[in-house]
Amino acid sequence: MAVDNILIDTNAYASFKRGDMAAVEIIRSSPFIGINSTVLGELLSGFALGNRESLNRKELETFLQSSRVKIIAVDHETAEHYAKIYKKLRQKGKPIPTNDLWIAATAVQYNLTVFTYDEHFKAVSGIRTGNRLVDFMPL
């Protein structure tokens, strides 16, 4: 079954690691899993605050070593998309958290579907989001 290439949000990675079957199915089915540097920073900072930092880091490293997973750095082009998205959301009166703007900008830049449980991504024009396998089926 073909599914979209995805960009994983922090909450989606956490759901996958908790063994949520829908999240596991999405991760297993996706041919490409992008994780941008913003999400990586959120994960590492969360690990640092917890009492399982070493284990969580080891599990993340294993995840990142998959040939289907790619860390996507935020760059100049990402910043251009960020600015456009920020302006449109402000004009609509629907701002979203700064880190999620970076995730949305990365999704636009690389034409990825965002795997997230945050509803506010739906306010961003030009991206698809979801948290069920059906959400990632090609249109």
N, C-alpha and C. Protein backbone atom coordinates (compact mmCIF):
# COMPACT_ATOMS: atom_id res chain seq x y z
N MET A 1 0.84 -1.18 0.00
CA MET A 1 0.00 0.00 0.00
C MET A 1 0.89 1.24 0.00
N ALA A 2 0.68 2.12 -0.95
CA ALA A 2 1.48 3.34 -1.07
C ALA A 2 0.96 4.42 -0.14
N VAL A 3 1.88 5.08 0.54
CA VAL A 3 1.53 6.22 1.38
C VAL A 3 2.51 7.35 1.08
N ASP A 4 2.13 8.56 1.51
CA ASP A 4 2.95 9.74 1.30
C ASP A 4 4.26 9.67 2.08
N ASN A 5 5.23 10.45 1.61
CA ASN A 5 6.42 10.73 2.41
C ASN A 5 5.98 11.65 3.54
N ILE A 6 6.54 11.44 4.73
CA ILE A 6 6.07 12.20 5.88
C ILE A 6 7.18 13.01 6.54
N LEU A 7 6.74 14.02 7.27
CA LEU A 7 7.58 14.79 8.18
C LEU A 7 6.98 14.55 9.56
N ILE A 8 7.76 14.01 10.46
CA ILE A 8 7.23 13.60 11.76
C ILE A 8 7.35 14.75 12.77
N ASP A 9 6.28 14.98 13.49
CA ASP A 9 6.25 15.96 14.58
C ASP A 9 6.67 15.27 15.87
N THR A 10 7.04 16.04 16.84
CA THR A 10 7.50 15.51 18.13
C THR A 10 6.45 14.61 18.77
N ASN A 11 5.19 15.05 18.76
CA ASN A 11 4.15 14.25 19.40
C ASN A 11 3.89 12.95 18.66
N ALA A 12 4.12 12.93 17.36
CA ALA A 12 3.95 11.70 16.58
C ALA A 12 5.06 10.70 16.91
N TYR A 13 6.30 11.21 17.04
CA TYR A 13 7.39 10.32 17.43
C TYR A 13 7.12 9.72 18.81
N ALA A 14 6.65 10.56 19.74
CA ALA A 14 6.34 10.07 21.09
C ALA A 14 5.24 9.01 21.06
N SER A 15 4.24 9.22 20.23
CA SER A 15 3.16 8.25 20.11
C SER A 15 3.68 6.93 19.53
N PHE A 16 4.55 7.03 18.54
CA PHE A 16 5.19 5.84 17.96
C PHE A 16 5.98 5.09 19.02
N LYS A 17 6.77 5.80 19.81
CA LYS A 17 7.60 5.16 20.84
C LYS A 17 6.76 4.55 21.96
N ARG A 18 5.57 5.09 22.21
CA ARG A 18 4.67 4.50 23.21
C ARG A 18 3.99 3.25 22.67
N GLY A 19 4.15 2.98 21.38
CA GLY A 19 3.57 1.79 20.79
C GLY A 19 2.15 1.97 20.29
N ASP A 20 1.69 3.21 20.14
CA ASP A 20 0.36 3.46 19.59
C ASP A 20 0.28 2.80 18.21
N MET A 21 -0.66 1.89 18.03
CA MET A 21 -0.71 1.08 16.81
C MET A 21 -0.89 1.91 15.54
N ALA A 22 -1.69 2.96 15.60
CA ALA A 22 -1.86 3.82 14.41
C ALA A 22 -0.54 4.48 14.04
N ALA A 23 0.18 4.97 15.03
CA ALA A 23 1.47 5.61 14.78
C ALA A 23 2.49 4.62 14.24
N VAL A 24 2.52 3.43 14.82
CA VAL A 24 3.44 2.38 14.37
C VAL A 24 3.14 2.03 12.91
N GLU A 25 1.87 1.92 12.57
CA GLU A 25 1.47 1.58 11.20
C GLU A 25 1.90 2.66 10.21
N ILE A 26 1.76 3.91 10.58
CA ILE A 26 2.18 5.01 9.71
C ILE A 26 3.69 4.97 9.50
N ILE A 27 4.43 4.81 10.57
CA ILE A 27 5.90 4.76 10.48
C ILE A 27 6.33 3.56 9.63
N ARG A 28 5.73 2.42 9.86
CA ARG A 28 6.09 1.21 9.09
C ARG A 28 5.78 1.37 7.60
N SER A 29 4.73 2.10 7.28
CA SER A 29 4.27 2.21 5.89
C SER A 29 4.93 3.31 5.09
N SER A 30 5.53 4.27 5.74
CA SER A 30 6.07 5.44 5.04
C SER A 30 7.40 5.13 4.38
N PRO A 31 7.51 5.42 3.08
CA PRO A 31 8.78 5.16 2.39
C PRO A 31 9.88 6.14 2.78
N PHE A 32 9.47 7.33 3.25
CA PHE A 32 10.43 8.37 3.64
C PHE A 32 9.88 9.05 4.88
N ILE A 33 10.74 9.19 5.90
CA ILE A 33 10.36 9.85 7.15
C ILE A 33 11.35 10.97 7.40
N GLY A 34 10.90 12.19 7.22
CA GLY A 34 11.74 13.34 7.51
C GLY A 34 11.55 13.77 8.95
N ILE A 35 12.64 14.23 9.54
CA ILE A 35 12.59 14.79 10.89
C ILE A 35 13.45 16.04 10.86
N ASN A 36 12.84 17.19 11.05
CA ASN A 36 13.65 18.40 10.92
C ASN A 36 14.39 18.71 12.22
N SER A 37 15.35 19.60 12.11
CA SER A 37 16.23 19.89 13.25
C SER A 37 15.45 20.49 14.42
N THR A 38 14.32 21.13 14.16
CA THR A 38 13.50 21.67 15.25
C THR A 38 12.91 20.53 16.08
N VAL A 39 12.36 19.53 15.42
CA VAL A 39 11.80 18.37 16.13
C VAL A 39 12.90 17.64 16.88
N LEU A 40 14.04 17.50 16.25
CA LEU A 40 15.18 16.85 16.91
C LEU A 40 15.53 17.59 18.20
N GLY A 41 15.56 18.91 18.14
CA GLY A 41 15.84 19.71 19.34
C GLY A 41 14.78 19.53 20.41
N GLU A 42 13.51 19.49 20.00
CA GLU A 42 12.43 19.27 20.98
C GLU A 42 12.59 17.91 21.65
N LEU A 43 12.89 16.89 20.86
CA LEU A 43 13.05 15.55 21.43
C LEU A 43 14.22 15.51 22.41
N LEU A 44 15.37 16.02 22.01
CA LEU A 44 16.55 15.98 22.87
C LEU A 44 16.36 16.77 24.15
N SER A 45 15.67 17.91 24.06
CA SER A 45 15.43 18.70 25.28
C SER A 45 14.46 17.98 26.20
N GLY A 46 13.45 17.30 25.63
CA GLY A 46 12.54 16.51 26.44
C GLY A 46 13.26 15.36 27.12
N PHE A 47 14.17 14.72 26.38
CA PHE A 47 14.95 13.63 26.98
C PHE A 47 15.78 14.14 28.15
N ALA A 48 16.39 15.32 27.97
CA ALA A 48 17.26 15.89 29.00
C ALA A 48 16.49 16.15 30.30
N LEU A 49 15.21 16.46 30.19
CA LEU A 49 14.40 16.73 31.37
C LEU A 49 13.87 15.46 32.04
N GLY A 50 13.91 14.35 31.33
CA GLY A 50 13.35 13.11 31.86
C GLY A 50 14.38 12.29 32.61
N ASN A 51 13.93 11.15 33.10
CA ASN A 51 14.83 10.28 33.87
C ASN A 51 15.30 9.07 33.05
N ARG A 52 15.03 9.09 31.73
CA ARG A 52 15.46 8.00 30.85
C ARG A 52 16.25 8.57 29.66
N GLU A 53 17.01 9.62 29.90
CA GLU A 53 17.69 10.31 28.80
C GLU A 53 18.56 9.37 27.97
N SER A 54 19.37 8.59 28.62
CA SER A 54 20.29 7.70 27.89
C SER A 54 19.53 6.71 27.01
N LEU A 55 18.51 6.07 27.56
CA LEU A 55 17.72 5.11 26.80
C LEU A 55 16.99 5.80 25.64
N ASN A 56 16.38 6.95 25.92
CA ASN A 56 15.66 7.67 24.87
C ASN A 56 16.59 8.10 23.74
N ARG A 57 17.79 8.55 24.08
CA ARG A 57 18.77 8.94 23.06
C ARG A 57 19.19 7.73 22.21
N LYS A 58 19.38 6.61 22.87
CA LYS A 58 19.79 5.40 22.16
C LYS A 58 18.68 4.96 21.20
N GLU A 59 17.43 4.98 21.65
CA GLU A 59 16.31 4.61 20.79
C GLU A 59 16.16 5.58 19.62
N LEU A 60 16.37 6.87 19.87
CA LEU A 60 16.30 7.86 18.79
C LEU A 60 17.42 7.61 17.77
N GLU A 61 18.62 7.34 18.23
CA GLU A 61 19.73 7.06 17.32
C GLU A 61 19.43 5.85 16.44
N THR A 62 18.83 4.83 17.02
CA THR A 62 18.44 3.65 16.24
C THR A 62 17.41 4.04 15.19
N PHE A 63 16.43 4.84 15.56
CA PHE A 63 15.40 5.32 14.63
C PHE A 63 16.05 6.11 13.49
N LEU A 64 16.98 7.00 13.84
CA LEU A 64 17.61 7.86 12.84
C LEU A 64 18.51 7.08 11.89
N GLN A 65 18.95 5.91 12.28
CA GLN A 65 19.82 5.10 11.43
C GLN A 65 19.06 4.36 10.33
N SER A 66 17.75 4.36 10.38
CA SER A 66 16.97 3.71 9.33
C SER A 66 17.25 4.41 7.99
N SER A 67 17.32 3.63 6.95
CA SER A 67 17.57 4.21 5.62
C SER A 67 16.38 5.05 5.14
N ARG A 68 15.24 4.90 5.78
CA ARG A 68 14.05 5.68 5.39
C ARG A 68 13.96 7.01 6.13
N VAL A 69 14.78 7.19 7.14
CA VAL A 69 14.72 8.40 7.97
C VAL A 69 15.84 9.36 7.57
N LYS A 70 15.46 10.64 7.42
CA LYS A 70 16.46 11.66 7.07
C LYS A 70 16.26 12.88 7.95
N ILE A 71 17.34 13.35 8.55
CA ILE A 71 17.29 14.61 9.29
C ILE A 71 17.34 15.73 8.27
N ILE A 72 16.41 16.66 8.38
CA ILE A 72 16.32 17.79 7.46
C ILE A 72 16.69 19.06 8.21
N ALA A 73 17.79 19.68 7.78
CA ALA A 73 18.24 20.92 8.42
C ALA A 73 17.39 22.10 7.94
N VAL A 74 17.15 23.01 8.84
CA VAL A 74 16.49 24.26 8.50
C VAL A 74 17.53 25.13 7.79
N ASP A 75 17.17 25.67 6.62
CA ASP A 75 18.11 26.47 5.85
C ASP A 75 17.44 27.77 5.37
N HIS A 76 18.11 28.47 4.48
CA HIS A 76 17.60 29.75 3.98
C HIS A 76 16.24 29.59 3.29
N GLU A 77 16.11 28.54 2.48
CA GLU A 77 14.84 28.30 1.79
C GLU A 77 13.73 28.01 2.79
N THR A 78 14.03 27.25 3.83
CA THR A 78 13.05 26.98 4.88
C THR A 78 12.60 28.30 5.52
N ALA A 79 13.55 29.18 5.76
CA ALA A 79 13.23 30.48 6.37
C ALA A 79 12.32 31.31 5.47
N GLU A 80 12.51 31.23 4.16
CA GLU A 80 11.63 31.94 3.23
C GLU A 80 10.20 31.40 3.33
N HIS A 81 10.06 30.10 3.39
CA HIS A 81 8.72 29.50 3.55
C HIS A 81 8.12 29.89 4.90
N TYR A 82 8.95 29.88 5.94
CA TYR A 82 8.52 30.28 7.28
C TYR A 82 7.89 31.67 7.23
N ALA A 83 8.59 32.61 6.59
CA ALA A 83 8.12 34.00 6.53
C ALA A 83 6.77 34.10 5.83
N LYS A 84 6.62 33.37 4.74
CA LYS A 84 5.34 33.41 3.99
C LYS A 84 4.21 32.81 4.82
N ILE A 85 4.48 31.69 5.46
CA ILE A 85 3.45 31.04 6.29
C ILE A 85 3.09 31.93 7.47
N TYR A 86 4.11 32.49 8.12
CA TYR A 86 3.89 33.38 9.27
C TYR A 86 2.97 34.54 8.88
N LYS A 87 3.28 35.17 7.74
CA LYS A 87 2.48 36.32 7.28
C LYS A 87 1.03 35.91 7.03
N LYS A 88 0.82 34.79 6.33
CA LYS A 88 -0.54 34.35 6.02
C LYS A 88 -1.32 34.02 7.29
N LEU A 89 -0.68 33.34 8.24
CA LEU A 89 -1.37 33.00 9.48
C LEU A 89 -1.71 34.24 10.30
N ARG A 90 -0.80 35.20 10.33
CA ARG A 90 -1.08 36.45 11.05
C ARG A 90 -2.25 37.19 10.41
N GLN A 91 -2.28 37.21 9.08
CA GLN A 91 -3.37 37.88 8.37
C GLN A 91 -4.71 37.20 8.66
N LYS A 92 -4.70 35.89 8.83
CA LYS A 92 -5.92 35.13 9.15
C LYS A 92 -6.26 35.21 10.63
N GLY A 93 -5.32 35.73 11.44
CA GLY A 93 -5.53 35.76 12.88
C GLY A 93 -5.42 34.39 13.52
N LYS A 94 -4.59 33.51 12.91
CA LYS A 94 -4.45 32.14 13.40
C LYS A 94 -2.97 31.77 13.56
N PRO A 95 -2.25 32.49 14.43
CA PRO A 95 -0.84 32.13 14.60
C PRO A 95 -0.70 30.74 15.24
N ILE A 96 0.43 30.10 14.96
CA ILE A 96 0.73 28.80 15.58
C ILE A 96 2.08 28.93 16.28
N PRO A 97 2.42 28.00 17.16
CA PRO A 97 3.70 28.08 17.87
C PRO A 97 4.88 28.14 16.90
N THR A 98 5.92 28.87 17.31
CA THR A 98 7.10 29.10 16.47
C THR A 98 7.71 27.80 15.97
N ASN A 99 7.93 26.83 16.83
CA ASN A 99 8.54 25.58 16.38
C ASN A 99 7.68 24.89 15.32
N ASP A 100 6.37 25.01 15.45
CA ASP A 100 5.49 24.39 14.47
C ASP A 100 5.51 25.14 13.14
N LEU A 101 5.82 26.42 13.17
CA LEU A 101 6.03 27.16 11.92
C LEU A 101 7.23 26.58 11.17
N TRP A 102 8.29 26.24 11.88
CA TRP A 102 9.46 25.64 11.24
C TRP A 102 9.12 24.28 10.64
N ILE A 103 8.30 23.52 11.34
CA ILE A 103 7.87 22.22 10.83
C ILE A 103 7.03 22.41 9.58
N ALA A 104 6.08 23.34 9.62
CA ALA A 104 5.24 23.62 8.45
C ALA A 104 6.08 24.09 7.27
N ALA A 105 7.04 24.96 7.52
CA ALA A 105 7.90 25.47 6.45
C ALA A 105 8.70 24.35 5.81
N THR A 106 9.17 23.42 6.63
CA THR A 106 9.91 22.26 6.10
C THR A 106 8.99 21.39 5.26
N ALA A 107 7.76 21.20 5.71
CA ALA A 107 6.80 20.39 4.95
C ALA A 107 6.53 21.01 3.58
N VAL A 108 6.36 22.31 3.54
CA VAL A 108 6.13 23.00 2.26
C VAL A 108 7.36 22.86 1.38
N GLN A 109 8.52 23.11 1.93
CA GLN A 109 9.77 23.07 1.16
C GLN A 109 10.00 21.72 0.49
N TYR A 110 9.72 20.65 1.20
CA TYR A 110 10.01 19.31 0.70
C TYR A 110 8.77 18.53 0.28
N ASN A 111 7.62 19.19 0.28
CA ASN A 111 6.36 18.56 -0.13
C ASN A 111 6.10 17.28 0.67
N LEU A 112 6.13 17.40 1.98
CA LEU A 112 5.92 16.28 2.88
C LEU A 112 4.59 16.45 3.62
N THR A 113 3.96 15.33 3.95
CA THR A 113 2.75 15.36 4.77
C THR A 113 3.18 15.28 6.23
N VAL A 114 2.63 16.17 7.06
CA VAL A 114 3.03 16.25 8.46
C VAL A 114 2.25 15.23 9.29
N PHE A 115 2.99 14.34 9.95
CA PHE A 115 2.42 13.38 10.88
C PHE A 115 2.42 14.05 12.24
N THR A 116 1.23 14.47 12.70
CA THR A 116 1.11 15.24 13.93
C THR A 116 -0.25 15.01 14.57
N TYR A 117 -0.33 15.33 15.85
CA TYR A 117 -1.60 15.31 16.57
C TYR A 117 -2.06 16.73 16.89
N ASP A 118 -1.34 17.73 16.38
CA ASP A 118 -1.69 19.14 16.61
C ASP A 118 -2.64 19.62 15.52
N GLU A 119 -3.81 20.03 15.91
CA GLU A 119 -4.83 20.50 14.96
C GLU A 119 -4.47 21.83 14.31
N HIS A 120 -3.66 22.66 14.98
CA HIS A 120 -3.42 23.99 14.43
C HIS A 120 -2.66 23.97 13.11
N PHE A 121 -2.03 22.85 12.75
CA PHE A 121 -1.37 22.76 11.44
C PHE A 121 -2.38 22.88 10.30
N LYS A 122 -3.63 22.55 10.57
CA LYS A 122 -4.67 22.63 9.53
C LYS A 122 -4.88 24.07 9.05
N ALA A 123 -4.46 25.05 9.83
CA ALA A 123 -4.59 26.45 9.43
C ALA A 123 -3.55 26.85 8.38
N VAL A 124 -2.55 26.02 8.17
CA VAL A 124 -1.47 26.33 7.24
C VAL A 124 -1.86 25.87 5.83
N SER A 125 -1.95 26.82 4.92
CA SER A 125 -2.26 26.50 3.53
C SER A 125 -1.06 25.81 2.88
N GLY A 126 -1.35 24.83 2.04
CA GLY A 126 -0.29 24.22 1.26
C GLY A 126 0.35 22.99 1.88
N ILE A 127 -0.15 22.54 3.04
CA ILE A 127 0.39 21.29 3.60
C ILE A 127 -0.77 20.36 3.94
N ARG A 128 -0.45 19.08 3.95
CA ARG A 128 -1.38 18.06 4.42
C ARG A 128 -0.87 17.57 5.77
N THR A 129 -1.82 17.18 6.61
CA THR A 129 -1.47 16.65 7.93
C THR A 129 -2.31 15.42 8.21
N GLY A 130 -1.90 14.66 9.20
CA GLY A 130 -2.71 13.54 9.61
C GLY A 130 -2.11 12.77 10.75
N ASN A 131 -2.91 11.83 11.28
CA ASN A 131 -2.44 10.94 12.33
C ASN A 131 -3.11 9.58 12.24
N ARG A 132 -3.70 9.30 11.08
CA ARG A 132 -4.25 7.98 10.78
C ARG A 132 -3.69 7.56 9.42
N LEU A 133 -3.52 6.31 9.19
CA LEU A 133 -2.90 5.85 7.95
C LEU A 133 -3.65 6.38 6.72
N VAL A 134 -4.96 6.44 6.78
CA VAL A 134 -5.75 6.92 5.66
C VAL A 134 -5.38 8.37 5.29
N ASP A 135 -4.92 9.15 6.27
CA ASP A 135 -4.54 10.55 6.02
C ASP A 135 -3.32 10.65 5.13
N PHE A 136 -2.58 9.56 4.98
CA PHE A 136 -1.32 9.58 4.24
C PHE A 136 -1.41 8.87 2.89
N MET A 137 -2.62 8.51 2.51
CA MET A 137 -2.82 7.91 1.19
C MET A 137 -2.72 9.01 0.14
N PRO A 138 -2.04 8.74 -0.95
CA PRO A 138 -1.93 9.76 -2.01
C PRO A 138 -3.31 10.21 -2.48
N LEU A 139 -3.41 11.49 -2.78
CA LEU A 139 -4.69 12.03 -3.26
C LEU A 139 -4.95 11.63 -4.69
